[in-house]
């Protein structure tokens, strides 16, 4: 799902995209010049690989996502929010895929390994 930057106004625009059992649902609103504020909830279930025992396990996602989306190269710095650069359109499918891959690239341990670490 794509929405052109020029169609984003100060009135929040709702969106919802889903892929492989994970949903990204929220709003985008014009912030300034070529910057849009995205506020959303990431929900669903994904398979991860334990970094200790290499076994696959499922995890439930329920995360708040808040970031800035820039039409083109972002000229500035924001201490509070991450900035994603896109061109002409906001590609929500790409944003969903990127958020899932960021989670997968983190360090993960299954419940069995977490329990062994505690003992």
C-alpha atoms as a PDB file:
ATOM      1  CA  UNK A   1       0.000   0.000   0.000  1.00  0.00           C
ATOM      2  CA  UNK A   2       1.391   3.371  -1.058  1.00  0.00           C
ATOM      3  CA  UNK A   3       0.211   6.888  -0.296  1.00  0.00           C
ATOM      4  CA  UNK A   4       1.793   9.884  -2.044  1.00  0.00           C
ATOM      5  CA  UNK A   5       3.356  12.380   0.352  1.00  0.00           C
ATOM      6  CA  UNK A   6       1.354  15.191  -1.274  1.00  0.00           C
ATOM      7  CA  UNK A   7      -1.909  13.551  -0.057  1.00  0.00           C
ATOM      8  CA  UNK A   8      -0.896  13.609   3.620  1.00  0.00           C
ATOM      9  CA  UNK A   9      -2.480  16.502   5.516  1.00  0.00           C
ATOM     10  CA  UNK A  10      -2.722  17.704   9.099  1.00  0.00           C
ATOM     11  CA  UNK A  11      -5.775  15.444   9.427  1.00  0.00           C
ATOM     12  CA  UNK A  12      -4.522  11.942  10.335  1.00  0.00           C
ATOM     13  CA  UNK A  13      -4.730   9.413   7.509  1.00  0.00           C
ATOM     14  CA  UNK A  14      -5.350   5.832   8.670  1.00  0.00           C
ATOM     15  CA  UNK A  15      -3.578   2.825   7.185  1.00  0.00           C
ATOM     16  CA  UNK A  16      -3.346  -0.912   7.793  1.00  0.00           C
ATOM     17  CA  UNK A  17      -1.058  -3.445   6.133  1.00  0.00           C
ATOM     18  CA  UNK A  18      -0.582  -7.125   6.884  1.00  0.00           C
ATOM     19  CA  UNK A  19       2.040  -9.677   5.922  1.00  0.00           C
ATOM     20  CA  UNK A  20       2.580 -13.235   7.164  1.00  0.00           C
ATOM     21  CA  UNK A  21       0.350 -12.786  10.207  1.00  0.00           C
ATOM     22  CA  UNK A  22       1.817  -9.433  11.276  1.00  0.00           C
ATOM     23  CA  UNK A  23      -0.201  -6.212  11.052  1.00  0.00           C
ATOM     24  CA  UNK A  24       0.965  -2.609  11.070  1.00  0.00           C
ATOM     25  CA  UNK A  25      -1.983  -0.309  11.756  1.00  0.00           C
ATOM     26  CA  UNK A  26      -1.965   3.394  12.530  1.00  0.00           C
ATOM     27  CA  UNK A  27      -1.989   6.921  11.182  1.00  0.00           C
ATOM     28  CA  UNK A  28       0.241   9.336   9.307  1.00  0.00           C
ATOM     29  CA  UNK A  29      -0.029  13.088   9.618  1.00  0.00           C
ATOM     30  CA  UNK A  30       1.801  16.023   8.017  1.00  0.00           C
ATOM     31  CA  UNK A  31       4.386  17.446  10.409  1.00  0.00           C
ATOM     32  CA  UNK A  32       6.456  19.973   8.429  1.00  0.00           C
ATOM     33  CA  UNK A  33       7.827  20.579   4.904  1.00  0.00           C
ATOM     34  CA  UNK A  34       8.542  17.057   3.628  1.00  0.00           C
ATOM     35  CA  UNK A  35       8.164  15.245   6.977  1.00  0.00           C
ATOM     36  CA  UNK A  36       5.310  12.958   8.021  1.00  0.00           C
ATOM     37  CA  UNK A  37       4.757  11.556  11.527  1.00  0.00           C
ATOM     38  CA  UNK A  38       3.818   7.864  11.595  1.00  0.00           C
ATOM     39  CA  UNK A  39       2.222   6.406  14.735  1.00  0.00           C
ATOM     40  CA  UNK A  40       1.239   2.742  14.608  1.00  0.00           C
ATOM     41  CA  UNK A  41       0.898  -0.563  16.405  1.00  0.00           C
ATOM     42  CA  UNK A  42       2.791  -3.644  15.215  1.00  0.00           C
ATOM     43  CA  UNK A  43       0.916  -6.822  16.164  1.00  0.00           C
ATOM     44  CA  UNK A  44       1.065 -10.481  15.290  1.00  0.00           C
ATOM     45  CA  UNK A  45       3.315 -13.491  15.635  1.00  0.00           C
ATOM     46  CA  UNK A  46       6.660 -14.246  13.992  1.00  0.00           C
ATOM     47  CA  UNK A  47       9.167 -17.067  14.069  1.00  0.00           C
ATOM     48  CA  UNK A  48      12.596 -16.273  15.482  1.00  0.00           C
ATOM     49  CA  UNK A  49      15.750 -18.310  15.921  1.00  0.00           C
ATOM     50  CA  UNK A  50      17.300 -18.610  19.359  1.00  0.00           C
ATOM     51  CA  UNK A  51      20.836 -17.191  19.308  1.00  0.00           C
ATOM     52  CA  UNK A  52      21.927 -19.682  21.972  1.00  0.00           C
ATOM     53  CA  UNK A  53      20.544 -23.075  20.883  1.00  0.00           C
ATOM     54  CA  UNK A  54      19.566 -22.214  17.269  1.00  0.00           C
ATOM     55  CA  UNK A  55      16.026 -23.591  17.742  1.00  0.00           C
ATOM     56  CA  UNK A  56      13.123 -21.763  16.130  1.00  0.00           C
ATOM     57  CA  UNK A  57      10.394 -20.374  18.371  1.00  0.00           C
ATOM     58  CA  UNK A  58       7.341 -18.165  17.951  1.00  0.00           C
ATOM     59  CA  UNK A  59       6.998 -14.790  19.607  1.00  0.00           C
ATOM     60  CA  UNK A  60       4.035 -12.450  19.914  1.00  0.00           C
ATOM     61  CA  UNK A  61       4.509  -8.877  18.717  1.00  0.00           C
ATOM     62  CA  UNK A  62       2.647  -5.961  20.259  1.00  0.00           C
ATOM     63  CA  UNK A  63       4.831  -2.906  19.778  1.00  0.00           C
ATOM     64  CA  UNK A  64       4.163   0.788  19.414  1.00  0.00           C
ATOM     65  CA  UNK A  65       5.934   2.294  16.406  1.00  0.00           C
ATOM     66  CA  UNK A  66       6.517   6.030  16.128  1.00  0.00           C
ATOM     67  CA  UNK A  67       8.830   7.494  13.516  1.00  0.00           C
ATOM     68  CA  UNK A  68       9.265  10.252  10.979  1.00  0.00           C
ATOM     69  CA  UNK A  69       9.055   9.564   7.254  1.00  0.00           C
ATOM     70  CA  UNK A  70      10.874  11.986   4.966  1.00  0.00           C
ATOM     71  CA  UNK A  71      10.098  12.612   1.300  1.00  0.00           C
ATOM     72  CA  UNK A  72      13.672  12.415   0.041  1.00  0.00           C
ATOM     73  CA  UNK A  73      16.893  12.884   1.964  1.00  0.00           C
ATOM     74  CA  UNK A  74      16.339  14.087   5.518  1.00  0.00           C
ATOM     75  CA  UNK A  75      18.258  17.267   6.275  1.00  0.00           C
ATOM     76  CA  UNK A  76      18.427  17.437  10.026  1.00  0.00           C
ATOM     77  CA  UNK A  77      18.577  15.461  13.222  1.00  0.00           C
ATOM     78  CA  UNK A  78      15.868  14.195  15.549  1.00  0.00           C
ATOM     79  CA  UNK A  79      16.914  12.928  18.967  1.00  0.00           C
ATOM     80  CA  UNK A  80      13.556  11.382  19.818  1.00  0.00           C
ATOM     81  CA  UNK A  81      12.418   9.555  16.671  1.00  0.00           C
ATOM     82  CA  UNK A  82      13.997   7.481  13.926  1.00  0.00           C
ATOM     83  CA  UNK A  83      13.709   8.918  10.421  1.00  0.00           C
ATOM     84  CA  UNK A  84      12.951   6.788   7.366  1.00  0.00           C
ATOM     85  CA  UNK A  85      13.696   8.252   3.945  1.00  0.00           C
ATOM     86  CA  UNK A  86      11.377   7.433   1.027  1.00  0.00           C
ATOM     87  CA  UNK A  87      10.775   9.043  -2.341  1.00  0.00           C
ATOM     88  CA  UNK A  88       7.401  10.510  -3.439  1.00  0.00           C
ATOM     89  CA  UNK A  89       5.280   7.809  -1.711  1.00  0.00           C
ATOM     90  CA  UNK A  90       5.031   6.222   1.711  1.00  0.00           C
ATOM     91  CA  UNK A  91       5.366   2.471   1.133  1.00  0.00           C
ATOM     92  CA  UNK A  92       3.671   0.881   4.154  1.00  0.00           C
ATOM     93  CA  UNK A  93       4.485  -2.663   3.021  1.00  0.00           C
ATOM     94  CA  UNK A  94       8.182  -1.753   3.010  1.00  0.00           C
ATOM     95  CA  UNK A  95       7.877  -0.159   6.455  1.00  0.00           C
ATOM     96  CA  UNK A  96       6.220  -3.322   7.814  1.00  0.00           C
ATOM     97  CA  UNK A  97       8.902  -5.541   6.278  1.00  0.00           C
ATOM     98  CA  UNK A  98      11.668  -3.296   7.658  1.00  0.00           C
ATOM     99  CA  UNK A  99      10.229  -3.366  11.191  1.00  0.00           C
ATOM    100  CA  UNK A 100       9.982  -7.176  11.110  1.00  0.00           C
ATOM    101  CA  UNK A 101      13.571  -7.492   9.872  1.00  0.00           C
ATOM    102  CA  UNK A 102      14.794  -5.120  12.591  1.00  0.00           C
ATOM    103  CA  UNK A 103      13.199  -7.371  15.198  1.00  0.00           C
ATOM    104  CA  UNK A 104      14.668 -10.501  13.608  1.00  0.00           C
ATOM    105  CA  UNK A 105      18.159  -8.970  13.532  1.00  0.00           C
ATOM    106  CA  UNK A 106      18.146  -8.399  17.294  1.00  0.00           C
ATOM    107  CA  UNK A 107      19.448 -10.897  19.873  1.00  0.00           C
ATOM    108  CA  UNK A 108      16.825 -13.518  20.848  1.00  0.00           C
ATOM    109  CA  UNK A 109      16.728 -16.437  23.232  1.00  0.00           C
ATOM    110  CA  UNK A 110      13.978 -19.023  23.608  1.00  0.00           C
ATOM    111  CA  UNK A 111      12.244 -19.702  26.925  1.00  0.00           C
ATOM    112  CA  UNK A 112      14.376 -22.808  27.592  1.00  0.00           C
ATOM    113  CA  UNK A 113      17.603 -20.844  27.241  1.00  0.00           C
ATOM    114  CA  UNK A 114      16.251 -17.915  29.273  1.00  0.00           C
ATOM    115  CA  UNK A 115      15.374 -20.325  32.073  1.00  0.00           C
ATOM    116  CA  UNK A 116      18.854 -21.884  31.983  1.00  0.00           C
ATOM    117  CA  UNK A 117      20.470 -18.433  32.194  1.00  0.00           C
ATOM    118  CA  UNK A 118      18.460 -17.652  35.334  1.00  0.00           C
ATOM    119  CA  UNK A 119      19.552 -20.850  37.107  1.00  0.00           C
END
